[in-house]
Protein backbone atom coordinates (compact mmCIF):
# COMPACT_ATOMS: atom_id res chain seq x y z
CA MET A 1 -1.65 1.11 -1.46
CA ILE A 2 2.09 2.04 -1.87
CA TRP A 3 5.04 1.76 0.28
CA THR A 4 8.73 3.28 0.21
CA TYR A 5 11.87 2.72 2.60
CA ARG A 6 12.32 5.45 4.54
CA VAL A 7 15.09 6.37 7.25
CA PHE A 8 14.04 6.30 10.89
CA HIS A 9 15.70 7.81 14.01
CA ASP A 10 14.98 6.61 17.52
CA SER A 11 16.76 6.50 20.58
CA GLU A 12 18.97 3.25 19.48
CA GLY A 13 19.96 5.16 16.32
CA TYR A 14 18.99 5.15 12.72
CA PHE A 15 17.58 2.16 10.60
CA ILE A 16 15.87 1.77 7.37
CA GLY A 17 11.79 0.88 7.62
CA VAL A 18 8.82 0.60 5.50
CA VAL A 19 6.17 3.32 5.33
CA TYR A 20 2.64 2.61 3.59
CA TYR A 21 0.49 5.41 2.08
CA GLU A 22 -2.57 5.58 0.01
CA ARG A 23 -2.12 6.48 -3.46
CA ASP A 24 -2.98 10.03 -2.69
CA GLY A 25 -0.05 10.10 -0.22
CA THR A 26 -2.23 9.89 2.88
CA LEU A 27 -0.14 7.80 5.56
CA ILE A 28 -1.96 4.24 6.23
CA GLY A 29 0.93 2.88 8.66
CA TYR A 30 4.55 1.60 8.92
CA GLN A 31 6.47 -1.34 10.21
CA SER A 32 8.24 -0.72 13.42
CA GLU A 33 11.11 -3.26 12.64
CA PRO A 34 13.69 -2.43 10.42
CA ALA A 35 13.81 -3.30 6.87
CA VAL A 36 16.31 -6.06 5.42
CA PRO A 37 17.45 -5.76 1.95
CA ILE A 38 16.45 -9.18 0.04
CA GLY A 39 16.13 -10.25 -3.54
CA ARG A 40 15.57 -13.68 -5.42
CA THR A 41 18.68 -13.04 -7.52
CA ALA A 42 21.55 -10.72 -7.19
CA GLU A 43 19.90 -8.03 -9.47
CA GLU A 44 16.92 -7.88 -7.30
CA LEU A 45 19.23 -7.49 -4.19
CA ALA A 46 21.07 -4.77 -5.75
CA GLN A 47 17.65 -2.87 -6.98
CA ASP A 48 16.61 -3.41 -2.99
CA ILE A 49 19.57 -1.77 -1.85
CA GLN A 50 19.48 1.06 -4.35
CA TRP A 51 15.93 1.86 -2.98
CA PHE A 52 17.34 1.64 0.63
CA LYS A 53 19.89 4.52 -0.47
CA GLU A 54 17.03 6.51 -2.15
CA ALA A 55 15.40 6.87 1.24
CA PHE A 56 18.32 8.98 2.44
CA GLU A 57 16.86 11.58 -0.04
CA LEU A 58 13.65 12.07 1.80
CA PRO A 59 13.27 13.66 5.53
CA ILE A 60 14.11 11.34 8.33
CA LEU A 61 11.17 10.15 10.36
CA THR A 62 10.26 8.99 13.85
CA MET A 63 7.78 6.46 14.98
CA GLU A 64 6.67 8.89 17.34
CA GLY A 65 5.96 11.66 14.48
CA LEU A 66 4.21 8.82 12.51
CA ASP A 67 2.00 7.91 15.35
CA ALA A 68 1.08 11.35 15.96
CA GLU A 69 0.27 11.99 12.44
CA LEU A 70 -2.19 8.86 12.41
CA ALA A 71 -3.76 9.85 15.82
CA ALA A 72 -4.39 13.43 14.09
CA ARG A 73 -6.49 11.65 11.31
CA PRO A 74 -10.05 11.10 11.67
CA PRO A 75 -10.79 7.22 11.79
CA ARG A 76 -11.62 5.77 8.57
CA PRO A 77 -15.19 4.45 8.43
CA LYS A 78 -15.34 0.75 8.52
CA GLN A 79 -17.22 -1.25 6.05
CA PRO A 80 -20.11 -3.23 7.68
CA LYS A 81 -19.33 -6.94 7.70
CA GLY A 82 -21.17 -8.87 4.88
CA GLN A 83 -20.63 -6.01 2.49
CA THR A 84 -17.45 -7.32 0.78
CA LYS A 85 -18.26 -8.71 -2.70
CA THR A 86 -15.95 -10.47 -5.02
CA LEU A 87 -15.25 -9.15 -8.42
CA GLU A 88 -17.37 -11.99 -10.04
CA GLN A 89 -20.34 -10.89 -7.92
CA LEU A 90 -19.90 -7.37 -8.70
CA LEU A 91 -19.69 -7.92 -12.38
CA ASP A 92 -22.88 -10.17 -12.21
CA GLU A 93 -24.84 -7.64 -10.25
CA LEU A 94 -23.73 -4.76 -12.95
CA GLU A 95 -25.14 -6.90 -15.67
CA GLN A 96 -28.16 -7.59 -14.15
CA ASP A 97 -28.78 -3.90 -13.60
CA GLU A 98 -28.23 -2.72 -17.22
CA SER A 99 -31.17 -2.88 -19.38
CA ASP A 100 -29.09 -3.41 -22.59
CA ALA A 101 -26.97 -6.55 -22.20
CA ASP A 102 -24.77 -5.10 -25.09
CA VAL A 103 -23.80 -1.90 -23.14
CA ILE A 104 -21.62 -3.94 -20.75
CA GLU A 105 -19.00 -6.34 -21.81
CA ARG A 106 -17.71 -8.76 -19.50
CA PRO A 107 -14.11 -8.50 -18.91
CA ARG A 108 -12.16 -11.78 -18.58
CA LEU A 109 -10.84 -11.85 -15.10
CA GLU A 110 -7.32 -13.21 -16.18
CA ALA A 111 -6.95 -9.87 -18.27
CA ILE A 112 -7.58 -7.65 -15.17
CA ALA A 113 -4.24 -6.30 -13.82
CA THR A 114 -3.76 -6.15 -9.80
CA ASP A 115 -1.41 -4.30 -7.75
């Protein structure tokens, strides 16, 4: 999932909001509340404000337009309950399925990057 700041327009005026997308660009959803620039340091705050400015380079959105786009998409299939596995469980299953244990070298969990 990725997110971006976008300019929204509604009956009260304009504001910066957050929109969420799949990595392929498919809309996932949005925050209906206005975003607020924030940072732990002055540099992080300046970067957040820069991202706010970049939102003006994209088309202005409305919540109604995004709602219509979300409603027009077919529903995503839900994963059956109980099918969620941890990375550790999945790696264990993969190792068990391999007839030659030397084919898969188990990665160290701390070496795997996450989003």
